[in-house]
Amino acid sequence: MAADSNPVSDRALSDRALSIFAFAAYHHLISGQPVSSVVRRDGNGHHADPEGAAEVEQRGLASLSDDAITFTAPGVAFVETIVAAIRQAGRR
């Protein structure tokens, strides 16, 4: 059951999965608003890494549709953690 309690800390996320969260953090920082979903495919050739998207879904951090990655509550919290880490790194 520990895996259900914190899907991020149980084992490291791959760089492919982290790229999904980096994209969400970028949008959070640009907009100043919390991000609960990101585009999976934009129809112009840009797309999230398929393996990373599958991993975040398997870890319970997001659900996937054809065009979107929608973060679960733990996924949204992880985006916020990344944004906080970026801001902290910028203060050094």
PDB file of N, CA and C in Angstrom:
ATOM      1  N   MET A   1       0.801  -1.194   0.000  1.00  0.00           N
ATOM      2  CA  MET A   1       0.000   0.000   0.000  1.00  0.00           C
ATOM      3  C   MET A   1       0.848   1.265   0.000  1.00  0.00           C
ATOM      4  N   ALA A   2       2.107   1.180   0.329  1.00  0.00           N
ATOM      5  CA  ALA A   2       2.955   2.366   0.346  1.00  0.00           C
ATOM      6  C   ALA A   2       2.996   3.036  -1.014  1.00  0.00           C
ATOM      7  N   ALA A   3       2.908   2.266  -2.078  1.00  0.00           N
ATOM      8  CA  ALA A   3       2.939   2.849  -3.413  1.00  0.00           C
ATOM      9  C   ALA A   3       1.763   3.780  -3.640  1.00  0.00           C
ATOM     10  N   ASP A   4       0.633   3.492  -3.049  1.00  0.00           N
ATOM     11  CA  ASP A   4      -0.532   4.336  -3.206  1.00  0.00           C
ATOM     12  C   ASP A   4      -0.421   5.625  -2.403  1.00  0.00           C
ATOM     13  N   SER A   5       0.325   5.611  -1.311  1.00  0.00           N
ATOM     14  CA  SER A   5       0.389   6.769  -0.441  1.00  0.00           C
ATOM     15  C   SER A   5       1.226   7.897  -1.035  1.00  0.00           C
ATOM     16  N   ASN A   6       2.287   7.591  -1.741  1.00  0.00           N
ATOM     17  CA  ASN A   6       3.117   8.608  -2.354  1.00  0.00           C
ATOM     18  C   ASN A   6       3.772   8.036  -3.602  1.00  0.00           C
ATOM     19  N   PRO A   7       3.118   8.171  -4.755  1.00  0.00           N
ATOM     20  CA  PRO A   7       3.621   7.554  -5.974  1.00  0.00           C
ATOM     21  C   PRO A   7       4.932   8.138  -6.473  1.00  0.00           C
ATOM     22  N   VAL A   8       5.318   9.309  -5.981  1.00  0.00           N
ATOM     23  CA  VAL A   8       6.560   9.920  -6.435  1.00  0.00           C
ATOM     24  C   VAL A   8       7.746   9.414  -5.633  1.00  0.00           C
ATOM     25  N   SER A   9       7.626   9.307  -4.314  1.00  0.00           N
ATOM     26  CA  SER A   9       8.791   8.984  -3.495  1.00  0.00           C
ATOM     27  C   SER A   9       9.104   7.500  -3.439  1.00  0.00           C
ATOM     28  N   ASP A  10       8.221   6.646  -3.894  1.00  0.00           N
ATOM     29  CA  ASP A  10       8.470   5.216  -3.815  1.00  0.00           C
ATOM     30  C   ASP A  10       9.643   4.769  -4.682  1.00  0.00           C
ATOM     31  N   ARG A  11       9.808   5.360  -5.820  1.00  0.00           N
ATOM     32  CA  ARG A  11      10.965   5.110  -6.672  1.00  0.00           C
ATOM     33  C   ARG A  11      11.115   6.298  -7.621  1.00  0.00           C
ATOM     34  N   ALA A  12      12.293   6.491  -8.110  1.00  0.00           N
ATOM     35  CA  ALA A  12      12.581   7.651  -8.935  1.00  0.00           C
ATOM     36  C   ALA A  12      11.774   7.628 -10.231  1.00  0.00           C
ATOM     37  N   LEU A  13      11.337   8.802 -10.631  1.00  0.00           N
ATOM     38  CA  LEU A  13      10.698   8.947 -11.940  1.00  0.00           C
ATOM     39  C   LEU A  13      11.782   9.006 -13.008  1.00  0.00           C
ATOM     40  N   SER A  14      11.493   8.470 -14.161  1.00  0.00           N
ATOM     41  CA  SER A  14      12.432   8.545 -15.278  1.00  0.00           C
ATOM     42  C   SER A  14      12.502   9.987 -15.790  1.00  0.00           C
ATOM     43  N   ASP A  15      13.547  10.279 -16.537  1.00  0.00           N
ATOM     44  CA  ASP A  15      13.651  11.602 -17.157  1.00  0.00           C
ATOM     45  C   ASP A  15      12.482  11.847 -18.104  1.00  0.00           C
ATOM     46  N   ARG A  16      12.002  10.798 -18.747  1.00  0.00           N
ATOM     47  CA  ARG A  16      10.864  10.947 -19.659  1.00  0.00           C
ATOM     48  C   ARG A  16       9.614  11.398 -18.901  1.00  0.00           C
ATOM     49  N   ALA A  17       9.387  10.814 -17.732  1.00  0.00           N
ATOM     50  CA  ALA A  17       8.250  11.231 -16.908  1.00  0.00           C
ATOM     51  C   ALA A  17       8.484  12.635 -16.361  1.00  0.00           C
ATOM     52  N   LEU A  18       9.708  12.918 -15.932  1.00  0.00           N
ATOM     53  CA  LEU A  18      10.010  14.250 -15.413  1.00  0.00           C
ATOM     54  C   LEU A  18       9.799  15.331 -16.463  1.00  0.00           C
ATOM     55  N   SER A  19      10.006  14.986 -17.735  1.00  0.00           N
ATOM     56  CA  SER A  19       9.793  15.983 -18.788  1.00  0.00           C
ATOM     57  C   SER A  19       8.343  16.462 -18.822  1.00  0.00           C
ATOM     58  N   ILE A  20       7.409  15.591 -18.491  1.00  0.00           N
ATOM     59  CA  ILE A  20       5.994  15.961 -18.432  1.00  0.00           C
ATOM     60  C   ILE A  20       5.806  17.017 -17.340  1.00  0.00           C
ATOM     61  N   PHE A  21       6.428  16.786 -16.190  1.00  0.00           N
ATOM     62  CA  PHE A  21       6.294  17.727 -15.081  1.00  0.00           C
ATOM     63  C   PHE A  21       7.061  19.020 -15.338  1.00  0.00           C
ATOM     64  N   ALA A  22       8.185  18.944 -16.041  1.00  0.00           N
ATOM     65  CA  ALA A  22       8.932  20.158 -16.388  1.00  0.00           C
ATOM     66  C   ALA A  22       8.078  21.050 -17.291  1.00  0.00           C
ATOM     67  N   PHE A  23       7.366  20.454 -18.217  1.00  0.00           N
ATOM     68  CA  PHE A  23       6.479  21.195 -19.112  1.00  0.00           C
ATOM     69  C   PHE A  23       5.362  21.859 -18.309  1.00  0.00           C
ATOM     70  N   ALA A  24       4.786  21.123 -17.371  1.00  0.00           N
ATOM     71  CA  ALA A  24       3.725  21.680 -16.520  1.00  0.00           C
ATOM     72  C   ALA A  24       4.279  22.808 -15.649  1.00  0.00           C
ATOM     73  N   ALA A  25       5.481  22.621 -15.106  1.00  0.00           N
ATOM     74  CA  ALA A  25       6.090  23.666 -14.277  1.00  0.00           C
ATOM     75  C   ALA A  25       6.337  24.922 -15.104  1.00  0.00           C
ATOM     76  N   TYR A  26       6.792  24.762 -16.327  1.00  0.00           N
ATOM     77  CA  TYR A  26       6.991  25.907 -17.229  1.00  0.00           C
ATOM     78  C   TYR A  26       5.690  26.698 -17.362  1.00  0.00           C
ATOM     79  N   HIS A  27       4.602  25.998 -17.622  1.00  0.00           N
ATOM     80  CA  HIS A  27       3.322  26.684 -17.796  1.00  0.00           C
ATOM     81  C   HIS A  27       2.858  27.353 -16.503  1.00  0.00           C
ATOM     82  N   HIS A  28       3.136  26.720 -15.380  1.00  0.00           N
ATOM     83  CA  HIS A  28       2.806  27.336 -14.091  1.00  0.00           C
ATOM     84  C   HIS A  28       3.590  28.635 -13.910  1.00  0.00           C
ATOM     85  N   LEU A  29       4.883  28.597 -14.185  1.00  0.00           N
ATOM     86  CA  LEU A  29       5.722  29.772 -13.998  1.00  0.00           C
ATOM     87  C   LEU A  29       5.345  30.897 -14.959  1.00  0.00           C
ATOM     88  N   ILE A  30       5.008  30.565 -16.183  1.00  0.00           N
ATOM     89  CA  ILE A  30       4.637  31.587 -17.169  1.00  0.00           C
ATOM     90  C   ILE A  30       3.294  32.221 -16.829  1.00  0.00           C
ATOM     91  N   SER A  31       2.335  31.413 -16.423  1.00  0.00           N
ATOM     92  CA  SER A  31       0.981  31.912 -16.179  1.00  0.00           C
ATOM     93  C   SER A  31       0.763  32.429 -14.764  1.00  0.00           C
ATOM     94  N   GLY A  32       1.573  31.935 -13.824  1.00  0.00           N
ATOM     95  CA  GLY A  32       1.360  32.281 -12.431  1.00  0.00           C
ATOM     96  C   GLY A  32       0.188  31.541 -11.807  1.00  0.00           C
ATOM     97  N   GLN A  33      -0.325  30.551 -12.510  1.00  0.00           N
ATOM     98  CA  GLN A  33      -1.485  29.789 -12.054  1.00  0.00           C
ATOM     99  C   GLN A  33      -1.120  28.311 -11.908  1.00  0.00           C
ATOM    100  N   PRO A  34      -1.735  27.639 -10.936  1.00  0.00           N
ATOM    101  CA  PRO A  34      -1.525  26.193 -10.826  1.00  0.00           C
ATOM    102  C   PRO A  34      -1.955  25.489 -12.120  1.00  0.00           C
ATOM    103  N   VAL A  35      -1.280  24.407 -12.440  1.00  0.00           N
ATOM    104  CA  VAL A  35      -1.554  23.662 -13.662  1.00  0.00           C
ATOM    105  C   VAL A  35      -2.096  22.287 -13.285  1.00  0.00           C
ATOM    106  N   SER A  36      -3.255  21.952 -13.849  1.00  0.00           N
ATOM    107  CA  SER A  36      -3.836  20.637 -13.564  1.00  0.00           C
ATOM    108  C   SER A  36      -3.812  19.720 -14.781  1.00  0.00           C
ATOM    109  N   SER A  37      -3.450  20.272 -15.939  1.00  0.00           N
ATOM    110  CA  SER A  37      -3.323  19.436 -17.135  1.00  0.00           C
ATOM    111  C   SER A  37      -2.418  20.128 -18.139  1.00  0.00           C
ATOM    112  N   VAL A  38      -1.855  19.319 -19.034  1.00  0.00           N
ATOM    113  CA  VAL A  38      -1.045  19.827 -20.137  1.00  0.00           C
ATOM    114  C   VAL A  38      -1.463  19.106 -21.412  1.00  0.00           C
ATOM    115  N   VAL A  39      -1.126  19.707 -22.524  1.00  0.00           N
ATOM    116  CA  VAL A  39      -1.440  19.127 -23.823  1.00  0.00           C
ATOM    117  C   VAL A  39      -0.553  17.913 -24.051  1.00  0.00           C
ATOM    118  N   ARG A  40      -1.168  16.849 -24.499  1.00  0.00           N
ATOM    119  CA  ARG A  40      -0.412  15.630 -24.826  1.00  0.00           C
ATOM    120  C   ARG A  40       0.019  15.648 -26.284  1.00  0.00           C
ATOM    121  N   ARG A  41      -0.877  16.076 -27.163  1.00  0.00           N
ATOM    122  CA  ARG A  41      -0.612  16.234 -28.605  1.00  0.00           C
ATOM    123  C   ARG A  41      -1.285  17.517 -29.045  1.00  0.00           C
ATOM    124  N   ASP A  42      -0.536  18.389 -29.709  1.00  0.00           N
ATOM    125  CA  ASP A  42      -1.138  19.665 -30.091  1.00  0.00           C
ATOM    126  C   ASP A  42      -1.620  19.733 -31.540  1.00  0.00           C
ATOM    127  N   GLY A  43      -1.441  18.677 -32.296  1.00  0.00           N
ATOM    128  CA  GLY A  43      -1.881  18.683 -33.687  1.00  0.00           C
ATOM    129  C   GLY A  43      -0.920  19.373 -34.633  1.00  0.00           C
ATOM    130  N   ASN A  44       0.171  19.940 -34.096  1.00  0.00           N
ATOM    131  CA  ASN A  44       1.177  20.615 -34.911  1.00  0.00           C
ATOM    132  C   ASN A  44       2.522  19.911 -34.836  1.00  0.00           C
ATOM    133  N   GLY A  45       2.507  18.657 -34.435  1.00  0.00           N
ATOM    134  CA  GLY A  45       3.740  17.882 -34.376  1.00  0.00           C
ATOM    135  C   GLY A  45       4.388  17.831 -33.008  1.00  0.00           C
ATOM    136  N   HIS A  46       3.934  18.639 -32.069  1.00  0.00           N
ATOM    137  CA  HIS A  46       4.483  18.598 -30.721  1.00  0.00           C
ATOM    138  C   HIS A  46       3.693  17.598 -29.893  1.00  0.00           C
ATOM    139  N   HIS A  47       4.417  16.789 -29.130  1.00  0.00           N
ATOM    140  CA  HIS A  47       3.745  15.794 -28.303  1.00  0.00           C
ATOM    141  C   HIS A  47       4.600  15.437 -27.094  1.00  0.00           C
ATOM    142  N   ALA A  48       3.917  15.022 -26.047  1.00  0.00           N
ATOM    143  CA  ALA A  48       4.606  14.542 -24.851  1.00  0.00           C
ATOM    144  C   ALA A  48       5.225  13.181 -25.162  1.00  0.00           C
ATOM    145  N   ASP A  49       6.304  12.900 -24.492  1.00  0.00           N
ATOM    146  CA  ASP A  49       6.949  11.605 -24.664  1.00  0.00           C
ATOM    147  C   ASP A  49       5.967  10.494 -24.287  1.00  0.00           C
ATOM    148  N   PRO A  50       5.708   9.541 -25.198  1.00  0.00           N
ATOM    149  CA  PRO A  50       4.736   8.484 -24.908  1.00  0.00           C
ATOM    150  C   PRO A  50       5.094   7.625 -23.694  1.00  0.00           C
ATOM    151  N   GLU A  51       6.388   7.303 -23.534  1.00  0.00           N
ATOM    152  CA  GLU A  51       6.798   6.498 -22.383  1.00  0.00           C
ATOM    153  C   GLU A  51       6.644   7.278 -21.079  1.00  0.00           C
ATOM    154  N   GLY A  52       6.976   8.562 -21.112  1.00  0.00           N
ATOM    155  CA  GLY A  52       6.817   9.401 -19.922  1.00  0.00           C
ATOM    156  C   GLY A  52       5.355   9.549 -19.545  1.00  0.00           C
ATOM    157  N   ALA A  53       4.506   9.750 -20.549  1.00  0.00           N
ATOM    158  CA  ALA A  53       3.071   9.871 -20.292  1.00  0.00           C
ATOM    159  C   ALA A  53       2.525   8.579 -19.687  1.00  0.00           C
ATOM    160  N   ALA A  54       2.926   7.446 -20.245  1.00  0.00           N
ATOM    161  CA  ALA A  54       2.468   6.158 -19.711  1.00  0.00           C
ATOM    162  C   ALA A  54       2.937   5.966 -18.279  1.00  0.00           C
ATOM    163  N   GLU A  55       4.164   6.370 -17.986  1.00  0.00           N
ATOM    164  CA  GLU A  55       4.695   6.215 -16.637  1.00  0.00           C
ATOM    165  C   GLU A  55       3.920   7.057 -15.630  1.00  0.00           C
ATOM    166  N   VAL A  56       3.635   8.323 -15.960  1.00  0.00           N
ATOM    167  CA  VAL A  56       2.908   9.146 -14.988  1.00  0.00           C
ATOM    168  C   VAL A  56       1.501   8.606 -14.766  1.00  0.00           C
ATOM    169  N   GLU A  57       0.926   8.007 -15.807  1.00  0.00           N
ATOM    170  CA  GLU A  57      -0.392   7.390 -15.630  1.00  0.00           C
ATOM    171  C   GLU A  57      -0.281   6.142 -14.744  1.00  0.00           C
ATOM    172  N   GLN A  58       0.688   5.298 -15.031  1.00  0.00           N
ATOM    173  CA  GLN A  58       0.871   4.072 -14.245  1.00  0.00           C
ATOM    174  C   GLN A  58       1.162   4.360 -12.788  1.00  0.00           C
ATOM    175  N   ARG A  59       1.825   5.464 -12.516  1.00  0.00           N
ATOM    176  CA  ARG A  59       2.166   5.839 -11.143  1.00  0.00           C
ATOM    177  C   ARG A  59       1.010   6.536 -10.433  1.00  0.00           C
ATOM    178  N   GLY A  60      -0.111   6.747 -11.133  1.00  0.00           N
ATOM    179  CA  GLY A  60      -1.266   7.389 -10.519  1.00  0.00           C
ATOM    180  C   GLY A  60      -1.131   8.893 -10.400  1.00  0.00           C
ATOM    181  N   LEU A  61      -0.239   9.475 -11.190  1.00  0.00           N
ATOM    182  CA  LEU A  61      -0.010  10.917 -11.133  1.00  0.00           C
ATOM    183  C   LEU A  61      -0.824  11.686 -12.156  1.00  0.00           C
ATOM    184  N   ALA A  62      -1.402  10.980 -13.119  1.00  0.00           N
ATOM    185  CA  ALA A  62      -2.190  11.630 -14.157  1.00  0.00           C
ATOM    186  C   ALA A  62      -3.072  10.605 -14.851  1.00  0.00           C
ATOM    187  N   SER A  63      -4.064  11.121 -15.542  1.00  0.00           N
ATOM    188  CA  SER A  63      -4.842  10.285 -16.455  1.00  0.00           C
ATOM    189  C   SER A  63      -4.605  10.840 -17.857  1.00  0.00           C
ATOM    190  N   LEU A  64      -4.713   9.966 -18.838  1.00  0.00           N
ATOM    191  CA  LEU A  64      -4.411  10.339 -20.214  1.00  0.00           C
ATOM    192  C   LEU A  64      -5.651  10.279 -21.082  1.00  0.00           C
ATOM    193  N   SER A  65      -5.763  11.249 -21.975  1.00  0.00           N
ATOM    194  CA  SER A  65      -6.715  11.178 -23.069  1.00  0.00           C
ATOM    195  C   SER A  65      -5.898  11.313 -24.346  1.00  0.00           C
ATOM    196  N   ASP A  66      -6.546  11.295 -25.492  1.00  0.00           N
ATOM    197  CA  ASP A  66      -5.784  11.409 -26.733  1.00  0.00           C
ATOM    198  C   ASP A  66      -4.965  12.694 -26.792  1.00  0.00           C
ATOM    199  N   ASP A  67      -5.520  13.786 -26.263  1.00  0.00           N
ATOM    200  CA  ASP A  67      -4.879  15.086 -26.414  1.00  0.00           C
ATOM    201  C   ASP A  67      -4.389  15.737 -25.133  1.00  0.00           C
ATOM    202  N   ALA A  68      -4.674  15.151 -23.964  1.00  0.00           N
ATOM    203  CA  ALA A  68      -4.319  15.814 -22.707  1.00  0.00           C
ATOM    204  C   ALA A  68      -3.756  14.836 -21.679  1.00  0.00           C
ATOM    205  N   ILE A  69      -2.962  15.397 -20.797  1.00  0.00           N
ATOM    206  CA  ILE A  69      -2.482  14.714 -19.603  1.00  0.00           C
ATOM    207  C   ILE A  69      -3.068  15.504 -18.440  1.00  0.00           C
ATOM    208  N   THR A  70      -3.966  14.872 -17.713  1.00  0.00           N
ATOM    209  CA  THR A  70      -4.647  15.540 -16.606  1.00  0.00           C
ATOM    210  C   THR A  70      -4.099  14.974 -15.305  1.00  0.00           C
ATOM    211  N   PHE A  71      -3.501  15.845 -14.507  1.00  0.00           N
ATOM    212  CA  PHE A  71      -2.863  15.413 -13.274  1.00  0.00           C
ATOM    213  C   PHE A  71      -3.884  15.086 -12.195  1.00  0.00           C
ATOM    214  N   THR A  72      -3.601  14.047 -11.443  1.00  0.00           N
ATOM    215  CA  THR A  72      -4.371  13.713 -10.243  1.00  0.00           C
ATOM    216  C   THR A  72      -3.913  14.665  -9.131  1.00  0.00           C
ATOM    217  N   ALA A  73      -4.543  14.588  -7.976  1.00  0.00           N
ATOM    218  CA  ALA A  73      -4.126  15.441  -6.852  1.00  0.00           C
ATOM    219  C   ALA A  73      -2.640  15.258  -6.518  1.00  0.00           C
ATOM    220  N   PRO A  74      -2.119  14.016  -6.434  1.00  0.00           N
ATOM    221  CA  PRO A  74      -0.675  13.872  -6.188  1.00  0.00           C
ATOM    222  C   PRO A  74       0.171  14.438  -7.338  1.00  0.00           C
ATOM    223  N   GLY A  75      -0.316  14.356  -8.560  1.00  0.00           N
ATOM    224  CA  GLY A  75       0.400  14.917  -9.702  1.00  0.00           C
ATOM    225  C   GLY A  75       0.463  16.432  -9.644  1.00  0.00           C
ATOM    226  N   VAL A  76      -0.653  17.067  -9.302  1.00  0.00           N
ATOM    227  CA  VAL A  76      -0.685  18.527  -9.150  1.00  0.00           C
ATOM    228  C   VAL A  76       0.269  18.938  -8.030  1.00  0.00           C
ATOM    229  N   ALA A  77       0.252  18.206  -6.927  1.00  0.00           N
ATOM    230  CA  ALA A  77       1.155  18.508  -5.810  1.00  0.00           C
ATOM    231  C   ALA A  77       2.608  18.382  -6.237  1.00  0.00           C
ATOM    232  N   PHE A  78       2.908  17.401  -7.094  1.00  0.00           N
ATOM    233  CA  PHE A  78       4.284  17.237  -7.557  1.00  0.00           C
ATOM    234  C   PHE A  78       4.698  18.395  -8.463  1.00  0.00           C
ATOM    235  N   VAL A  79       3.794  18.869  -9.312  1.00  0.00           N
ATOM    236  CA  VAL A  79       4.095  20.063 -10.124  1.00  0.00           C
ATOM    237  C   VAL A  79       4.458  21.218  -9.199  1.00  0.00           C
ATOM    238  N   GLU A  80       3.685  21.405  -8.137  1.00  0.00           N
ATOM    239  CA  GLU A  80       3.948  22.487  -7.190  1.00  0.00           C
ATOM    240  C   GLU A  80       5.313  22.314  -6.514  1.00  0.00           C
ATOM    241  N   THR A  81       5.678  21.083  -6.217  1.00  0.00           N
ATOM    242  CA  THR A  81       6.981  20.797  -5.619  1.00  0.00           C
ATOM    243  C   THR A  81       8.100  21.196  -6.575  1.00  0.00           C
ATOM    244  N   ILE A  82       7.927  20.885  -7.832  1.00  0.00           N
ATOM    245  CA  ILE A  82       8.941  21.242  -8.835  1.00  0.00           C
ATOM    246  C   ILE A  82       9.039  22.750  -8.987  1.00  0.00           C
ATOM    247  N   VAL A  83       7.909  23.430  -9.038  1.00  0.00           N
ATOM    248  CA  VAL A  83       7.921  24.893  -9.153  1.00  0.00           C
ATOM    249  C   VAL A  83       8.647  25.502  -7.953  1.00  0.00           C
ATOM    250  N   ALA A  84       8.368  25.002  -6.761  1.00  0.00           N
ATOM    251  CA  ALA A  84       9.042  25.508  -5.559  1.00  0.00           C
ATOM    252  C   ALA A  84      10.556  25.265  -5.640  1.00  0.00           C
ATOM    253  N   ALA A  85      10.955  24.103  -6.141  1.00  0.00           N
ATOM    254  CA  ALA A  85      12.382  23.791  -6.265  1.00  0.00           C
ATOM    255  C   ALA A  85      13.057  24.715  -7.278  1.00  0.00           C
ATOM    256  N   ILE A  86      12.378  25.014  -8.365  1.00  0.00           N
ATOM    257  CA  ILE A  86      12.933  25.926  -9.376  1.00  0.00           C
ATOM    258  C   ILE A  86      13.101  27.319  -8.765  1.00  0.00           C
ATOM    259  N   ARG A  87      12.088  27.771  -8.051  1.00  0.00           N
ATOM    260  CA  ARG A  87      12.168  29.097  -7.425  1.00  0.00           C
ATOM    261  C   ARG A  87      13.299  29.132  -6.401  1.00  0.00           C
ATOM    262  N   GLN A  88      13.452  28.077  -5.630  1.00  0.00           N
ATOM    263  CA  GLN A  88      14.532  28.016  -4.637  1.00  0.00           C
ATOM    264  C   GLN A  88      15.888  28.040  -5.341  1.00  0.00           C
ATOM    265  N   ALA A  89      16.025  27.303  -6.402  1.00  0.00           N
ATOM    266  CA  ALA A  89      17.286  27.280  -7.144  1.00  0.00           C
ATOM    267  C   ALA A  89      17.617  28.670  -7.704  1.00  0.00           C
ATOM    268  N   GLY A  90      16.578  29.427  -8.069  1.00  0.00           N
ATOM    269  CA  GLY A  90      16.793  30.771  -8.599  1.00  0.00           C
ATOM    270  C   GLY A  90      17.217  31.766  -7.549  1.00  0.00           C
ATOM    271  N   ARG A  91      17.094  31.442  -6.281  1.00  0.00           N
ATOM    272  CA  ARG A  91      17.479  32.336  -5.191  1.00  0.00           C
ATOM    273  C   ARG A  91      18.943  32.174  -4.795  1.00  0.00           C
ATOM    274  N   ARG A  92      19.613  31.192  -5.340  1.00  0.00           N
ATOM    275  CA  ARG A  92      21.016  30.921  -4.957  1.00  0.00           C
ATOM    276  C   ARG A  92      21.949  31.883  -5.605  1.00  0.00           C
TER     277      ARG A  92
END
